[in-house]
N, C-alpha and C. Protein backbone atom coordinates (compact mmCIF):
# COMPACT_ATOMS: atom_id res chain seq x y z
N UNK A 1 -31.88 47.08 -29.09
CA UNK A 1 -30.80 47.24 -29.63
C UNK A 1 -30.04 47.61 -28.69
N UNK A 2 -28.67 47.33 -28.75
CA UNK A 2 -27.85 47.91 -27.81
C UNK A 2 -26.85 48.92 -28.61
N UNK A 3 -26.51 49.76 -27.91
CA UNK A 3 -25.40 50.70 -28.46
C UNK A 3 -24.17 50.76 -28.22
N UNK A 4 -23.07 50.65 -29.18
CA UNK A 4 -21.76 50.51 -28.35
C UNK A 4 -21.13 51.56 -28.69
N UNK A 5 -20.23 52.26 -27.85
CA UNK A 5 -19.43 53.36 -28.14
C UNK A 5 -17.81 52.62 -28.37
N UNK A 6 -17.61 53.32 -29.34
CA UNK A 6 -16.09 52.62 -29.66
C UNK A 6 -14.83 53.57 -29.16
N UNK A 7 -14.18 53.11 -28.17
CA UNK A 7 -12.93 53.75 -27.66
C UNK A 7 -12.23 54.27 -28.59
N UNK A 8 -11.49 55.41 -28.44
CA UNK A 8 -10.66 56.05 -29.45
C UNK A 8 -9.13 55.70 -28.74
N UNK A 9 -8.20 55.24 -29.47
CA UNK A 9 -6.80 55.32 -28.72
C UNK A 9 -6.25 56.66 -28.63
N UNK A 10 -5.71 56.84 -27.27
CA UNK A 10 -5.21 58.08 -27.02
C UNK A 10 -3.90 58.06 -27.52
N UNK A 11 -3.32 57.69 -28.37
CA UNK A 11 -1.82 57.65 -29.11
C UNK A 11 -1.79 58.80 -30.17
N UNK A 12 -1.03 59.17 -30.48
CA UNK A 12 -1.00 60.03 -31.32
C UNK A 12 -1.68 59.32 -32.84
N UNK A 13 -2.02 60.56 -33.52
CA UNK A 13 -3.05 59.89 -34.49
C UNK A 13 -1.65 59.69 -35.89
N UNK A 14 -0.70 60.01 -35.67
CA UNK A 14 0.38 59.66 -36.67
C UNK A 14 1.05 58.27 -36.51
N UNK A 15 0.72 57.42 -35.59
CA UNK A 15 0.88 56.01 -35.39
C UNK A 15 0.10 55.11 -36.23
N UNK A 16 0.79 54.66 -37.40
CA UNK A 16 -0.18 53.75 -38.26
C UNK A 16 -0.69 52.55 -37.56
N UNK A 17 -0.33 52.01 -36.67
CA UNK A 17 -0.88 51.13 -35.72
C UNK A 17 -2.39 51.21 -35.58
N UNK A 18 -2.46 52.61 -35.11
CA UNK A 18 -4.03 52.96 -34.59
C UNK A 18 -4.45 53.81 -35.51
N UNK A 19 -3.85 53.92 -36.64
CA UNK A 19 -4.60 54.50 -37.55
C UNK A 19 -5.48 53.48 -38.38
N UNK A 20 -4.95 52.21 -38.45
CA UNK A 20 -5.58 51.06 -39.15
C UNK A 20 -6.61 50.59 -38.21
N UNK A 21 -6.33 50.75 -36.71
CA UNK A 21 -6.87 50.23 -35.85
C UNK A 21 -8.28 51.06 -35.86
N UNK A 22 -8.08 52.30 -36.08
CA UNK A 22 -9.31 53.35 -36.06
C UNK A 22 -10.38 53.16 -37.31
N UNK A 23 -9.26 53.18 -38.22
CA UNK A 23 -9.97 52.62 -39.65
C UNK A 23 -10.98 51.57 -39.90
N UNK A 24 -10.52 50.32 -39.01
CA UNK A 24 -11.30 49.36 -38.85
C UNK A 24 -12.56 49.60 -38.22
N UNK A 25 -12.28 50.39 -37.17
CA UNK A 25 -13.75 50.70 -35.96
C UNK A 25 -14.84 51.46 -36.97
N UNK A 26 -14.17 52.58 -37.74
CA UNK A 26 -14.88 53.10 -38.49
C UNK A 26 -15.92 52.39 -39.53
N UNK A 27 -14.97 51.48 -40.18
CA UNK A 27 -15.29 50.41 -41.38
C UNK A 27 -16.51 49.87 -40.56
N UNK A 28 -16.51 49.18 -39.52
CA UNK A 28 -17.38 48.13 -38.74
C UNK A 28 -18.60 48.92 -38.36
N UNK A 29 -18.92 49.88 -38.72
CA UNK A 29 -20.28 50.83 -38.21
C UNK A 29 -20.95 50.70 -39.52
N UNK A 30 -20.58 50.34 -40.89
CA UNK A 30 -21.26 50.08 -42.05
C UNK A 30 -21.01 48.78 -42.62
N UNK A 31 -20.05 47.94 -42.51
CA UNK A 31 -19.67 46.66 -43.32
C UNK A 31 -19.79 45.74 -42.39
N UNK A 32 -20.21 44.63 -42.58
CA UNK A 32 -19.95 43.38 -41.74
C UNK A 32 -18.77 42.67 -41.60
N UNK A 33 -18.77 41.66 -40.81
CA UNK A 33 -17.39 41.09 -40.57
C UNK A 33 -16.57 40.23 -41.63
N UNK A 34 -17.61 40.24 -42.49
CA UNK A 34 -17.07 38.86 -43.91
C UNK A 34 -16.43 40.07 -44.94
N UNK A 35 -17.21 41.71 -44.70
CA UNK A 35 -16.45 42.38 -45.95
C UNK A 35 -15.27 43.19 -45.27
N UNK A 36 -15.12 43.26 -43.87
CA UNK A 36 -13.98 43.69 -43.06
C UNK A 36 -12.79 42.92 -43.24
N UNK A 37 -13.30 41.39 -43.27
CA UNK A 37 -12.05 40.44 -43.60
C UNK A 37 -11.69 40.61 -45.18
N UNK A 38 -12.48 40.97 -45.85
CA UNK A 38 -11.90 41.15 -47.35
C UNK A 38 -11.24 42.30 -47.67
N UNK A 39 -11.83 43.68 -46.97
CA UNK A 39 -11.11 44.61 -46.94
C UNK A 39 -9.85 44.62 -46.13
N UNK A 40 -9.36 43.91 -45.24
CA UNK A 40 -8.18 43.45 -44.61
C UNK A 40 -7.43 42.90 -45.37
N UNK A 41 -7.69 41.76 -45.94
CA UNK A 41 -6.75 41.06 -47.12
C UNK A 41 -6.48 41.78 -48.47
N UNK A 42 -6.89 43.05 -48.65
CA UNK A 42 -6.87 43.62 -49.60
C UNK A 42 -5.72 44.61 -49.16
N UNK A 43 -5.99 44.98 -47.70
CA UNK A 43 -5.02 45.88 -47.35
C UNK A 43 -3.65 44.95 -47.27
N UNK A 44 -3.78 44.17 -46.70
CA UNK A 44 -2.56 43.16 -46.90
C UNK A 44 -1.83 43.13 -47.89
N UNK A 45 -2.78 42.56 -49.25
CA UNK A 45 -1.97 42.80 -50.12
C UNK A 45 -1.14 43.92 -50.78
N UNK A 46 -1.89 45.37 -50.78
CA UNK A 46 -1.58 46.24 -51.52
C UNK A 46 -1.03 47.82 -50.51
N UNK A 47 -1.23 47.58 -49.40
CA UNK A 47 -1.30 48.64 -48.38
C UNK A 47 0.44 48.62 -48.11
N UNK A 48 1.48 49.64 -47.98
CA UNK A 48 2.55 49.60 -48.06
C UNK A 48 3.22 49.49 -46.37
N UNK A 49 2.21 49.73 -45.38
CA UNK A 49 2.67 49.87 -43.91
C UNK A 49 1.91 48.77 -43.49
N UNK A 50 3.17 48.26 -42.95
CA UNK A 50 2.57 46.58 -41.91
C UNK A 50 1.96 47.02 -40.68
N UNK A 51 2.36 48.31 -39.98
CA UNK A 51 1.85 48.49 -38.99
C UNK A 51 0.43 48.71 -38.85
N UNK A 52 -0.24 49.74 -40.02
CA UNK A 52 -1.46 49.73 -40.51
C UNK A 52 -2.27 48.60 -40.74
N UNK A 53 -1.87 47.64 -41.23
CA UNK A 53 -2.14 46.16 -41.75
C UNK A 53 -2.53 45.79 -39.96
N UNK A 54 -1.85 45.55 -39.28
CA UNK A 54 -1.83 44.71 -38.13
C UNK A 54 -2.83 45.37 -37.21
N UNK A 55 -2.82 46.99 -37.17
CA UNK A 55 -3.72 47.75 -36.49
C UNK A 55 -5.27 47.35 -36.81
N UNK A 56 -5.54 47.20 -38.31
CA UNK A 56 -6.70 47.09 -38.91
C UNK A 56 -7.06 45.61 -38.56
N UNK A 57 -6.17 44.46 -38.78
CA UNK A 57 -6.52 43.18 -38.35
C UNK A 57 -6.70 42.77 -36.97
N UNK A 58 -6.22 43.76 -35.95
CA UNK A 58 -6.20 43.71 -34.58
C UNK A 58 -7.69 43.89 -34.38
N UNK A 59 -8.18 45.04 -34.67
CA UNK A 59 -9.38 45.47 -34.48
C UNK A 59 -10.31 44.38 -34.75
N UNK A 60 -10.03 43.88 -36.47
CA UNK A 60 -11.03 42.86 -37.15
C UNK A 60 -11.04 41.72 -35.85
N UNK A 61 -10.32 41.35 -35.41
CA UNK A 61 -9.82 39.88 -34.42
C UNK A 61 -10.77 40.31 -33.25
N UNK A 62 -10.48 41.51 -32.69
CA UNK A 62 -11.36 41.90 -31.28
C UNK A 62 -12.92 41.82 -31.82
N UNK A 63 -13.42 42.46 -32.93
CA UNK A 63 -14.57 42.38 -33.47
C UNK A 63 -15.40 41.03 -33.38
N UNK A 64 -14.32 40.12 -34.04
CA UNK A 64 -15.01 38.87 -34.25
C UNK A 64 -15.17 38.42 -32.76
N UNK A 65 -14.04 38.48 -31.93
CA UNK A 65 -14.13 37.84 -30.60
C UNK A 65 -15.42 38.21 -29.71
N UNK A 66 -15.61 39.61 -30.04
CA UNK A 66 -17.01 39.99 -29.40
C UNK A 66 -18.01 39.67 -29.81
N UNK A 67 -18.19 39.39 -31.20
CA UNK A 67 -19.67 38.85 -31.79
C UNK A 67 -19.62 37.52 -31.33
N UNK A 68 -18.50 36.74 -31.21
CA UNK A 68 -18.86 35.09 -30.97
C UNK A 68 -18.85 35.10 -29.78
N UNK A 69 -18.81 35.70 -28.58
CA UNK A 69 -19.07 35.92 -27.40
C UNK A 69 -20.43 36.38 -26.97
N UNK A 70 -20.90 37.38 -27.65
CA UNK A 70 -22.48 37.47 -27.78
C UNK A 70 -23.27 36.60 -28.30
N UNK A 71 -22.95 36.09 -29.61
CA UNK A 71 -23.51 34.98 -29.87
C UNK A 71 -23.99 33.43 -29.13
N UNK A 72 -22.49 33.18 -28.17
CA UNK A 72 -23.01 32.35 -27.40
C UNK A 72 -23.82 32.61 -26.35
N UNK A 73 -23.41 33.83 -25.74
CA UNK A 73 -24.35 34.27 -24.97
C UNK A 73 -26.01 34.11 -24.92
N UNK A 74 -26.18 34.71 -26.36
CA UNK A 74 -27.40 34.57 -26.70
C UNK A 74 -28.03 33.59 -27.12
N UNK A 75 -27.40 32.80 -27.78
CA UNK A 75 -27.65 31.27 -27.90
C UNK A 75 -28.26 30.36 -26.45
N UNK A 76 -27.41 30.67 -25.47
CA UNK A 76 -27.54 30.07 -24.15
C UNK A 76 -29.20 30.58 -23.68
N UNK A 77 -29.05 31.65 -23.91
CA UNK A 77 -30.20 32.66 -23.17
C UNK A 77 -31.28 31.75 -23.93
N UNK A 78 -31.24 31.66 -25.24
CA UNK A 78 -32.59 31.07 -26.20
C UNK A 78 -32.79 29.99 -25.63
N UNK A 79 -32.00 28.95 -25.09
CA UNK A 79 -32.07 27.75 -24.94
C UNK A 79 -32.30 27.20 -23.55
N UNK A 80 -32.59 28.52 -22.65
CA UNK A 80 -32.82 28.33 -21.30
C UNK A 80 -34.18 28.21 -21.30
N UNK A 81 -34.69 27.41 -20.28
CA UNK A 81 -36.09 27.20 -20.00
C UNK A 81 -36.30 28.29 -18.78
N UNK A 82 -36.85 29.46 -19.24
CA UNK A 82 -37.09 30.65 -18.03
C UNK A 82 -38.40 30.27 -17.16
N UNK A 83 -39.27 29.34 -17.70
CA UNK A 83 -40.40 29.14 -16.71
C UNK A 83 -40.27 28.39 -15.33
N UNK A 84 -39.10 27.35 -15.39
CA UNK A 84 -38.88 26.57 -14.29
C UNK A 84 -37.91 27.35 -13.45
N UNK A 85 -37.58 28.51 -13.67
CA UNK A 85 -36.58 29.09 -13.16
C UNK A 85 -37.30 29.96 -11.53
N UNK A 86 -38.39 30.00 -11.47
CA UNK A 86 -38.91 30.67 -10.10
C UNK A 86 -39.78 29.56 -9.46
């Protein structure tokens, strides 16, 4: 299993965009992507700060993109015949 370090933004903590981005990164350590999508939808309905919501959803989209890239690479590797490569 690989470990991933989450880069923390170097912008002020008072910026609501990066507050949402960081909250999504922290939530991703314990929740699945589907749970994050539900939480993002709840934030979109009830959170008063639009920048916070955009940061949260931006991080969610990056996580989904990374997940799909890793899934595609693992699928390609699983379907590669390694016996005839040497």
